[in-house]
Amino acid sequence: MLKQLTILNIKIKYKFNIYIYIMSIVYQYENSTIQYSDNYGNITHQGVLGSNAYGSTLLTGTFPTTTTNAVGHYHYTEPTTNALKFLNASGTGNGGHQFWNVSNANAPIKYFEVNRDNALLNTSLRNTSNNTILDMIGNELTLSSSSNNIKLNASQSTLLVRNNSTAESSYVQSDNLSVGNDINNTSMRIYSTLMRMSDPSYWNTTTTSSLVINKLASTEQSQLTSQTLTLTDVSSNSSILSSTSLTFNNVNVKMNQVQPTLIYSSPAIYADGQPPATSLTIRNTYGYSGWYFKNIVLGQKINWYFPPNKQNATLVSDLKGISISFFNGITTSNDNTLFITIYTVPTGSGDYAPGFFHSAYTYVFNQAITPTVNTNYQGVCIIDKSLVPYNYETQIQYEPSTVNNPRGNYQPTDKILAVVIGSNSGSAVNSVEFVVNKLNLHYADFTQSYLLVSP
């Protein structure tokens, strides 16, 4: 109900100091007062401030403690701290608080909202120094030092910490952790199944479950897996250590675990060739002994046969190398120097010499080198000579013969019949002279050394 009528006297001043008074009637509700602004338009409101109640039930001056169907926006004071408490009475709606902006260039846009479930920011949140930035559009958080040298950046896929003054950085991604330095290009990266270290950073392997240390644009690398350790130098030489072997450029170090066997002259060995002899002159003059041969008769030659590791079971591929130690007497032609031939077991099908051998392959003295008289030599074939130890000898890399070689269909799967030391039957009389001290057959896991005892 209306409480009273209030008459307002409004004085309007015109030029020449003529005053006109107009009376206005204001209707005021019972139990209400009228608050006026000062001469500057400032209003200090006493009590709870409410707005946009839309004719609904008005809230009282006490902060509500139960549900209400009221609608509107109210300002309360927290009794103990005197903090301002914003209350949105949403009735049957979801309610909340929204912050909007409109300008002469942009239509109204909502940049912040707080409701019962979420606080939603549609722009970036930052402090005045821009050292702390939360980008709600790009989904990134940036924290910087006052000098901006040290920075942390977090996005939905990466957490990056960087020190610009030292060019150091580390980051975490969904599948790896990395720490690096941009100045000297060093870095380390850890995956769930792979750890890589580089100096400088260079990833040239896709092997998983390993630790890799390597250099930029170089083959120099170390790689550790659960099974092996591999070391590779700048020249691509490589060694591999496993639980059962150690290899250098694919040659197992076990190959040089020597099993010596004394071999005495026997027709079972010299077969259809000349039997070995003894040269006391070479022994007494040069301290070299073994099986001696000299072609003192035209057409004389040797065929000294030595067995493989396992009879009818050792494959051509099992034999990794052959080395032979011998003293060269008067021979000055590489064609007249002893040679090595590998014969394979006859199969009854496609044998080159039926009943004798299936196939054969011959290695000869390096044809670009002229043998030196009275010289200790070590001839090496199949395997590189640098991988075979030697003692007081000149190493010669034997090479495949270019004359009728191979004989038959010589395959890695053929079974070895014998390894044979041979000589040229067509050499001139007294042009071939040598003493063989030992023959080494190098297998993957050991070396069989046949030591030839002087007759």
Protein backbone atom coordinates (compact mmCIF):
# COMPACT_ATOMS: atom_id res chain seq x y z
CA MET A 1 0.00 0.00 0.00
CA LEU A 2 1.12 3.57 -0.56
CA LYS A 3 2.63 5.15 2.48
CA GLN A 4 2.51 8.87 1.63
CA LEU A 5 2.78 11.52 -1.02
CA THR A 6 6.02 13.42 -1.27
CA ILE A 7 6.05 16.78 -2.99
CA LEU A 8 9.22 17.63 -4.79
CA ASN A 9 10.03 21.26 -5.40
CA ILE A 10 12.20 21.60 -8.43
CA LYS A 11 13.66 25.02 -9.01
CA ILE A 12 14.56 25.91 -12.57
CA LYS A 13 16.64 29.02 -13.11
CA TYR A 14 16.36 30.94 -16.28
CA LYS A 15 18.18 33.93 -17.56
CA PHE A 16 17.37 37.23 -15.82
CA ASN A 17 16.92 35.37 -12.50
CA ILE A 18 13.36 34.33 -13.17
CA TYR A 19 12.49 31.22 -11.15
CA ILE A 20 9.70 28.77 -12.01
CA TYR A 21 8.65 26.16 -9.46
CA ILE A 22 7.18 22.83 -10.62
CA MET A 23 5.60 20.40 -8.21
CA SER A 24 6.01 16.60 -8.76
CA ILE A 25 4.22 13.83 -6.91
CA VAL A 26 6.28 10.61 -6.08
CA TYR A 27 4.55 7.48 -4.80
CA GLN A 28 6.54 5.70 -2.09
CA TYR A 29 5.89 2.21 -0.77
CA GLU A 30 5.36 1.52 2.86
CA ASN A 31 8.54 0.54 4.83
CA SER A 32 10.74 2.10 2.12
CA THR A 33 12.96 5.16 1.87
CA ILE A 34 14.34 7.24 -0.93
CA GLN A 35 18.15 7.61 -1.21
CA TYR A 36 19.60 10.52 -3.13
CA SER A 37 22.94 11.07 -4.75
CA ASP A 38 25.18 13.94 -3.83
CA ASN A 39 25.82 16.88 -6.13
CA TYR A 40 28.30 14.72 -8.08
CA GLY A 41 25.98 11.78 -8.68
CA ASN A 42 27.61 9.49 -6.11
CA ILE A 43 25.32 7.10 -4.25
CA THR A 44 26.26 5.21 -1.14
CA HIS A 45 23.73 2.45 -0.61
CA GLN A 46 22.82 1.30 2.86
CA GLY A 47 21.93 -2.41 3.33
CA VAL A 48 21.66 -5.20 0.75
CA LEU A 49 21.72 -4.15 -2.90
CA GLY A 50 19.55 -6.16 -5.27
CA SER A 51 18.64 -5.82 -8.93
CA ASN A 52 16.72 -7.49 -11.73
CA ALA A 53 14.37 -9.24 -9.35
CA TYR A 54 11.75 -9.47 -12.13
CA GLY A 55 8.86 -9.19 -9.68
CA SER A 56 9.85 -12.38 -7.89
CA THR A 57 10.11 -12.90 -4.18
CA LEU A 58 12.65 -10.45 -2.79
CA LEU A 59 15.46 -11.76 -0.63
CA THR A 60 15.91 -10.28 2.81
CA GLY A 61 18.93 -8.54 4.23
CA THR A 62 20.21 -11.84 5.58
CA PHE A 63 22.22 -14.14 3.30
CA PRO A 64 19.95 -17.09 2.49
CA THR A 65 20.76 -20.50 3.92
CA THR A 66 18.17 -22.59 2.07
CA THR A 67 16.87 -22.96 -1.49
CA THR A 68 14.76 -20.19 -2.97
CA ASN A 69 12.77 -19.50 -6.12
CA ALA A 70 13.87 -15.86 -6.07
CA VAL A 71 15.45 -14.33 -9.15
CA GLY A 72 17.93 -11.48 -9.11
CA HIS A 73 21.39 -10.28 -8.24
CA TYR A 74 22.35 -9.29 -4.71
CA HIS A 75 25.30 -7.81 -2.88
CA TYR A 76 25.88 -9.02 0.67
CA THR A 77 28.60 -8.41 3.22
CA GLU A 78 30.38 -11.33 4.91
CA PRO A 79 29.90 -10.60 8.63
CA THR A 80 33.35 -11.53 9.95
CA THR A 81 35.58 -10.27 7.13
CA ASN A 82 33.31 -7.63 5.58
CA ALA A 83 34.03 -9.17 2.19
CA LEU A 84 31.60 -8.54 -0.64
CA LYS A 85 29.50 -11.60 -1.46
CA PHE A 86 27.93 -11.67 -4.92
CA LEU A 87 24.79 -13.78 -5.01
CA ASN A 88 23.01 -14.76 -8.19
CA ALA A 89 19.50 -16.03 -7.44
CA SER A 90 18.63 -18.03 -10.53
CA GLY A 91 15.32 -19.61 -9.55
CA THR A 92 14.90 -22.59 -11.89
CA GLY A 93 17.82 -21.56 -14.16
CA ASN A 94 21.47 -22.59 -13.97
CA GLY A 95 22.55 -19.11 -12.99
CA GLY A 96 26.11 -17.81 -12.62
CA HIS A 97 28.01 -14.66 -13.48
CA GLN A 98 29.06 -13.57 -16.97
CA PHE A 99 31.43 -10.80 -18.05
CA TRP A 100 30.90 -9.27 -21.48
CA ASN A 101 32.44 -6.52 -23.57
CA VAL A 102 31.18 -4.48 -26.48
CA SER A 103 32.95 -1.73 -28.37
CA ASN A 104 32.57 0.38 -31.48
CA ALA A 105 34.59 -2.25 -33.34
CA ASN A 106 33.31 -5.51 -31.84
CA ALA A 107 29.88 -6.89 -31.10
CA PRO A 108 29.26 -8.12 -27.55
CA ILE A 109 31.59 -10.98 -26.62
CA LYS A 110 31.65 -13.06 -23.48
CA TYR A 111 35.18 -13.43 -22.10
CA PHE A 112 34.54 -14.82 -18.61
CA GLU A 113 31.80 -16.85 -16.96
CA VAL A 114 31.42 -18.46 -13.55
CA ASN A 115 28.56 -20.88 -12.94
CA ARG A 116 27.80 -23.66 -10.52
CA ASP A 117 29.91 -26.14 -12.51
CA ASN A 118 32.74 -24.19 -14.15
CA ALA A 119 34.75 -21.02 -14.43
CA LEU A 120 35.14 -20.34 -18.16
CA LEU A 121 37.74 -17.93 -19.56
CA ASN A 122 37.64 -17.34 -23.33
CA THR A 123 40.76 -15.15 -23.58
CA SER A 124 44.20 -15.15 -21.92
CA LEU A 125 44.94 -14.54 -18.28
CA ARG A 126 48.17 -12.65 -17.51
CA ASN A 127 49.82 -10.40 -14.96
CA THR A 128 50.94 -6.83 -15.67
CA SER A 129 54.55 -7.88 -16.44
CA ASN A 130 53.44 -10.58 -18.89
CA ASN A 131 55.69 -13.03 -17.02
CA THR A 132 52.69 -15.22 -16.26
CA ILE A 133 50.35 -15.91 -19.18
CA LEU A 134 47.49 -18.38 -19.38
CA ASP A 135 46.31 -18.56 -22.98
CA MET A 136 42.84 -20.08 -22.99
CA ILE A 137 42.62 -19.97 -26.80
CA GLY A 138 45.97 -21.58 -27.59
CA ASN A 139 45.75 -23.78 -24.47
CA GLU A 140 49.18 -22.72 -23.19
CA LEU A 141 50.64 -21.59 -19.88
CA THR A 142 53.84 -19.52 -19.91
CA LEU A 143 55.86 -18.64 -16.82
CA SER A 144 58.90 -16.39 -17.28
CA SER A 145 61.57 -14.93 -15.04
CA SER A 146 61.81 -11.16 -14.68
CA SER A 147 64.70 -11.14 -17.20
CA ASN A 148 62.72 -13.44 -19.51
CA ASN A 149 65.73 -15.79 -19.73
CA ILE A 150 64.20 -18.71 -17.89
CA LYS A 151 60.83 -19.77 -19.19
CA LEU A 152 58.34 -22.58 -18.65
CA ASN A 153 55.79 -23.31 -21.32
CA ALA A 154 53.04 -25.89 -20.95
CA SER A 155 50.63 -26.91 -23.68
CA GLN A 156 48.36 -29.89 -24.22
CA SER A 157 51.24 -31.85 -25.80
CA THR A 158 54.50 -30.44 -24.36
CA LEU A 159 55.99 -29.16 -21.12
CA LEU A 160 59.07 -27.04 -21.96
CA VAL A 161 61.56 -25.48 -19.55
CA ARG A 162 64.20 -23.26 -21.16
CA ASN A 163 67.13 -21.11 -20.04
CA ASN A 164 67.89 -18.71 -22.89
CA SER A 165 71.10 -17.42 -21.31
CA THR A 166 72.70 -20.88 -21.49
CA ALA A 167 70.69 -22.25 -24.44
CA GLU A 168 69.63 -25.20 -22.30
CA SER A 169 66.19 -26.72 -22.47
CA SER A 170 64.25 -29.74 -21.36
CA TYR A 171 60.80 -30.88 -22.33
CA VAL A 172 58.31 -33.62 -21.67
CA GLN A 173 56.02 -34.97 -24.36
CA SER A 174 53.55 -37.82 -24.31
CA ASP A 175 56.13 -40.30 -25.64
CA ASN A 176 59.54 -38.91 -24.61
CA LEU A 177 61.62 -36.77 -22.25
CA SER A 178 64.41 -34.62 -23.71
CA VAL A 179 67.24 -32.50 -22.28
CA GLY A 180 69.53 -30.55 -24.61
CA ASN A 181 71.86 -27.62 -25.22
CA ASP A 182 71.58 -25.60 -28.43
CA ILE A 183 75.10 -24.16 -28.27
CA ASN A 184 77.11 -27.39 -28.30
CA ASN A 185 74.30 -29.52 -29.77
CA THR A 186 74.30 -32.10 -27.01
CA SER A 187 71.09 -33.79 -26.00
CA MET A 188 69.52 -36.81 -24.39
CA ARG A 189 66.09 -38.26 -25.15
CA ILE A 190 64.27 -40.99 -23.29
CA TYR A 191 61.40 -42.98 -24.77
CA SER A 192 59.45 -45.81 -23.20
CA THR A 193 61.68 -48.34 -24.99
CA LEU A 194 64.64 -46.23 -26.14
CA MET A 195 67.19 -43.86 -24.63
CA ARG A 196 69.29 -41.76 -26.98
CA MET A 197 72.30 -39.60 -26.17
CA SER A 198 74.15 -37.58 -28.79
CA ASP A 199 77.09 -35.27 -29.14
CA PRO A 200 75.86 -33.38 -30.96
CA SER A 201 72.21 -34.41 -31.23
CA TYR A 202 71.72 -36.74 -34.17
CA TRP A 203 69.17 -39.55 -34.30
CA ASN A 204 70.19 -42.15 -36.87
CA THR A 205 68.68 -45.28 -35.43
CA THR A 206 65.17 -46.65 -35.13
CA THR A 207 66.11 -49.58 -32.93
CA THR A 208 63.93 -49.78 -29.84
CA SER A 209 64.89 -50.89 -26.34
CA SER A 210 68.33 -49.32 -26.56
CA LEU A 211 70.64 -46.56 -25.37
CA VAL A 212 72.37 -44.76 -28.25
CA ILE A 213 75.31 -42.34 -28.10
CA ASN A 214 76.33 -40.87 -31.44
CA LYS A 215 77.73 -37.88 -33.32
CA LEU A 216 76.26 -35.63 -35.96
CA ALA A 217 76.75 -36.82 -39.56
CA SER A 218 79.08 -39.59 -38.45
CA THR A 219 78.99 -43.34 -38.10
CA GLU A 220 80.69 -43.07 -34.69
CA GLN A 221 78.17 -44.55 -32.30
CA SER A 222 77.61 -46.70 -29.23
CA GLN A 223 74.38 -48.63 -28.87
CA LEU A 224 73.31 -50.66 -25.85
CA THR A 225 70.32 -52.98 -26.05
CA SER A 226 69.03 -55.62 -23.68
CA GLN A 227 71.05 -58.18 -25.68
CA THR A 228 74.11 -56.45 -27.15
CA LEU A 229 76.59 -53.58 -26.93
CA THR A 230 77.65 -52.25 -30.34
CA LEU A 231 80.59 -49.87 -30.88
CA THR A 232 81.15 -48.27 -34.29
CA ASP A 233 84.02 -45.91 -35.12
CA VAL A 234 84.27 -43.11 -37.66
CA SER A 235 85.53 -45.60 -40.28
CA SER A 236 82.46 -47.81 -39.76
CA ASN A 237 84.47 -50.53 -38.03
CA SER A 238 82.13 -52.24 -35.61
CA SER A 239 82.34 -54.55 -32.62
CA ILE A 240 79.40 -56.29 -30.97
CA LEU A 241 79.39 -57.79 -27.50
CA SER A 242 76.61 -60.22 -26.64
CA SER A 243 76.13 -62.79 -23.89
CA THR A 244 77.73 -65.48 -26.07
CA SER A 245 80.12 -63.70 -28.43
CA LEU A 246 82.34 -60.71 -29.17
CA THR A 247 82.72 -59.83 -32.83
CA PHE A 248 84.91 -57.35 -34.68
CA ASN A 249 83.47 -56.46 -38.09
CA ASN A 250 81.35 -59.61 -37.89
CA VAL A 251 84.31 -61.80 -36.92
CA ASN A 252 83.86 -63.57 -33.60
CA VAL A 253 86.83 -63.19 -31.26
CA LYS A 254 86.29 -66.86 -30.40
CA MET A 255 87.70 -67.55 -33.83
CA ASN A 256 91.13 -66.84 -32.39
CA GLN A 257 90.73 -69.32 -29.55
CA VAL A 258 93.25 -71.79 -30.96
CA GLN A 259 93.03 -75.54 -30.67
CA PRO A 260 96.43 -76.90 -31.79
CA THR A 261 96.91 -80.38 -33.24
CA LEU A 262 100.28 -81.95 -34.12
CA ILE A 263 100.26 -83.43 -37.62
CA TYR A 264 102.86 -85.99 -38.71
CA SER A 265 103.62 -87.04 -42.26
CA SER A 266 101.19 -89.72 -43.48
CA PRO A 267 100.02 -91.05 -46.87
CA ALA A 268 96.51 -90.22 -45.65
CA ILE A 269 97.54 -86.59 -45.88
CA TYR A 270 99.97 -86.31 -48.82
CA ALA A 271 97.94 -88.83 -50.87
CA ASP A 272 98.76 -88.50 -54.59
CA GLY A 273 101.34 -85.75 -54.13
CA GLN A 274 104.89 -85.60 -52.89
CA PRO A 275 105.36 -86.46 -49.21
CA PRO A 276 106.83 -83.78 -46.94
CA ALA A 277 110.56 -83.67 -46.30
CA THR A 278 112.91 -81.85 -43.95
CA SER A 279 115.32 -79.02 -44.83
CA LEU A 280 118.08 -78.89 -42.26
CA THR A 281 119.59 -75.97 -44.16
CA ILE A 282 116.52 -73.78 -43.68
CA ARG A 283 116.07 -75.01 -40.12
CA ASN A 284 119.68 -74.29 -39.15
CA THR A 285 119.98 -71.04 -41.11
CA TYR A 286 116.60 -69.43 -40.49
CA GLY A 287 115.28 -71.33 -37.47
CA TYR A 288 112.22 -72.45 -39.43
CA SER A 289 110.89 -76.01 -39.44
CA GLY A 290 107.89 -77.91 -40.73
CA TRP A 291 107.00 -79.80 -43.88
CA TYR A 292 109.49 -79.07 -46.65
CA PHE A 293 108.98 -79.35 -50.41
CA LYS A 294 111.17 -78.57 -53.45
CA ASN A 295 110.35 -79.62 -57.02
CA ILE A 296 113.65 -81.26 -57.86
CA VAL A 297 111.95 -83.33 -60.58
CA LEU A 298 109.83 -81.91 -63.39
CA GLY A 299 106.10 -82.30 -62.74
CA GLN A 300 106.43 -82.80 -58.98
CA LYS A 301 103.73 -81.20 -56.86
CA ILE A 302 102.07 -81.54 -53.46
CA ASN A 303 98.46 -82.24 -52.45
CA TRP A 304 98.39 -82.20 -48.66
CA TYR A 305 94.85 -82.89 -47.36
CA PHE A 306 93.52 -81.65 -44.01
CA PRO A 307 90.09 -82.51 -42.59
CA PRO A 308 87.36 -80.01 -41.59
CA ASN A 309 85.92 -79.67 -38.10
CA LYS A 310 83.19 -82.27 -38.53
CA GLN A 311 83.26 -85.04 -41.10
CA ASN A 312 80.43 -84.75 -43.65
CA ALA A 313 78.86 -81.99 -41.54
CA THR A 314 81.03 -78.85 -41.80
CA LEU A 315 79.55 -76.46 -44.36
CA VAL A 316 81.46 -74.10 -46.62
CA SER A 317 79.75 -71.24 -44.75
CA ASP A 318 81.05 -72.59 -41.43
CA LEU A 319 84.65 -71.99 -42.49
CA LYS A 320 85.21 -68.26 -41.87
CA GLY A 321 88.85 -68.12 -42.93
CA ILE A 322 92.12 -69.96 -43.63
CA SER A 323 95.63 -68.87 -42.74
CA ILE A 324 98.86 -70.69 -43.55
CA SER A 325 102.34 -69.97 -42.18
CA PHE A 326 105.21 -70.88 -44.49
CA PHE A 327 108.81 -70.05 -45.31
CA ASN A 328 109.48 -69.17 -48.94
CA GLY A 329 112.84 -70.48 -50.09
CA ILE A 330 113.88 -69.79 -53.67
CA THR A 331 110.45 -69.17 -55.26
CA THR A 332 110.20 -65.80 -57.07
CA SER A 333 106.92 -66.31 -58.97
CA ASN A 334 103.48 -65.91 -57.40
CA ASP A 335 102.22 -68.56 -59.83
CA ASN A 336 104.70 -71.05 -58.38
CA THR A 337 103.88 -70.30 -54.73
CA LEU A 338 101.70 -72.76 -52.80
CA PHE A 339 97.91 -72.36 -53.07
CA ILE A 340 94.85 -73.42 -51.04
CA THR A 341 91.89 -75.41 -52.38
CA ILE A 342 88.63 -76.29 -50.61
CA TYR A 343 87.01 -79.51 -51.86
CA THR A 344 83.40 -80.42 -51.07
CA VAL A 345 81.81 -83.81 -50.47
CA PRO A 346 80.39 -85.53 -53.60
CA THR A 347 76.60 -85.73 -53.60
CA GLY A 348 76.01 -88.07 -56.56
CA SER A 349 74.27 -85.27 -58.42
CA GLY A 350 76.16 -82.70 -60.48
CA ASP A 351 79.54 -83.69 -59.02
CA TYR A 352 82.50 -82.12 -60.83
CA ALA A 353 84.61 -85.24 -60.19
CA PRO A 354 82.21 -88.11 -59.44
CA GLY A 355 83.44 -90.31 -56.64
CA PHE A 356 86.04 -87.66 -55.66
CA PHE A 357 84.52 -84.22 -55.03
CA HIS A 358 81.38 -82.25 -55.80
CA SER A 359 82.97 -78.80 -56.21
CA ALA A 360 86.19 -76.93 -55.43
CA TYR A 361 87.41 -73.39 -54.88
CA THR A 362 91.06 -72.25 -55.05
CA TYR A 363 92.86 -69.27 -53.47
CA VAL A 364 96.30 -68.15 -54.70
CA PHE A 365 99.11 -65.81 -53.64
CA ASN A 366 98.37 -62.15 -54.38
CA GLN A 367 99.08 -61.87 -58.10
CA ALA A 368 100.23 -58.26 -57.76
CA ILE A 369 103.04 -59.22 -55.35
CA THR A 370 106.30 -60.96 -56.19
CA PRO A 371 107.39 -63.36 -53.43
CA THR A 372 110.67 -62.60 -51.73
CA VAL A 373 113.16 -65.42 -51.22
CA ASN A 374 114.01 -66.65 -47.72
CA THR A 375 111.01 -64.88 -46.17
CA ASN A 376 108.44 -65.90 -43.57
CA TYR A 377 104.90 -65.48 -44.93
CA GLN A 378 101.39 -65.86 -43.65
CA GLY A 379 98.83 -66.34 -46.40
CA VAL A 380 95.21 -65.52 -45.51
CA CYS A 381 92.09 -66.25 -47.54
CA ILE A 382 88.29 -65.88 -47.15
CA ILE A 383 88.74 -63.64 -44.11
CA ASP A 384 90.51 -60.26 -44.20
CA LYS A 385 94.16 -60.62 -43.15
CA SER A 386 93.84 -57.72 -40.69
CA LEU A 387 91.61 -59.90 -38.51
CA VAL A 388 94.12 -62.75 -38.19
CA PRO A 389 97.01 -62.54 -35.69
CA TYR A 390 100.51 -63.24 -36.98
CA ASN A 391 104.05 -63.41 -35.62
CA TYR A 392 107.25 -62.39 -37.40
CA GLU A 393 105.63 -62.94 -40.77
CA THR A 394 104.69 -60.96 -43.86
CA GLN A 395 100.93 -61.21 -44.29
CA ILE A 396 99.65 -61.81 -47.81
CA GLN A 397 95.97 -61.64 -48.71
CA TYR A 398 95.30 -64.68 -50.87
CA GLU A 399 92.75 -64.13 -53.62
CA PRO A 400 90.46 -66.35 -55.72
CA SER A 401 92.21 -68.00 -58.65
CA THR A 402 91.16 -66.82 -62.07
CA VAL A 403 91.92 -70.20 -63.71
CA ASN A 404 89.05 -72.72 -63.82
CA ASN A 405 87.65 -71.48 -60.56
CA PRO A 406 85.37 -72.55 -59.08
CA ARG A 407 85.14 -76.10 -60.32
CA GLY A 408 81.54 -77.24 -60.19
CA ASN A 409 78.65 -75.51 -58.47
CA TYR A 410 80.38 -74.32 -55.30
CA GLN A 411 77.80 -73.22 -52.69
CA PRO A 412 77.89 -72.11 -49.01
CA THR A 413 75.68 -75.10 -48.16
CA ASP A 414 78.12 -77.63 -49.64
CA LYS A 415 79.83 -79.87 -47.09
CA ILE A 416 83.61 -79.59 -46.88
CA LEU A 417 85.59 -82.70 -47.80
CA ALA A 418 89.08 -81.31 -47.17
CA VAL A 419 91.25 -78.20 -47.21
CA VAL A 420 94.26 -78.89 -49.44
CA ILE A 421 97.70 -77.26 -49.73
CA GLY A 422 98.81 -77.57 -53.34
CA SER A 423 101.57 -76.50 -55.72
CA ASN A 424 101.91 -75.98 -59.47
CA SER A 425 103.00 -79.15 -61.28
CA GLY A 426 103.91 -77.09 -64.34
CA SER A 427 106.61 -75.10 -62.58
CA ALA A 428 110.17 -75.30 -63.82
CA VAL A 429 112.46 -77.69 -61.98
CA ASN A 430 113.98 -76.23 -58.79
CA SER A 431 111.75 -73.10 -58.96
CA VAL A 432 109.46 -74.04 -56.06
CA GLU A 433 110.72 -74.28 -52.48
CA PHE A 434 108.90 -73.75 -49.18
CA VAL A 435 108.42 -75.03 -45.65
CA VAL A 436 104.89 -75.09 -44.19
CA ASN A 437 104.83 -74.61 -40.44
CA LYS A 438 101.08 -74.61 -39.72
CA LEU A 439 97.64 -74.45 -41.30
CA ASN A 440 94.85 -72.65 -39.42
CA LEU A 441 91.16 -73.25 -40.17
CA HIS A 442 89.14 -70.39 -38.65
CA TYR A 443 85.59 -71.21 -37.59
CA ALA A 444 83.11 -68.90 -35.86
CA ASP A 445 83.80 -70.21 -32.38
CA PHE A 446 87.42 -71.45 -32.53
CA THR A 447 90.49 -71.94 -34.74
CA GLN A 448 91.82 -75.37 -35.55
CA SER A 449 95.58 -75.07 -35.89
CA TYR A 450 97.35 -77.96 -37.60
CA LEU A 451 101.02 -77.86 -36.55
CA LEU A 452 103.15 -79.71 -39.10
CA VAL A 453 105.91 -81.73 -37.43
CA SER A 454 109.05 -82.04 -39.49
CA PRO A 455 109.60 -85.68 -40.65
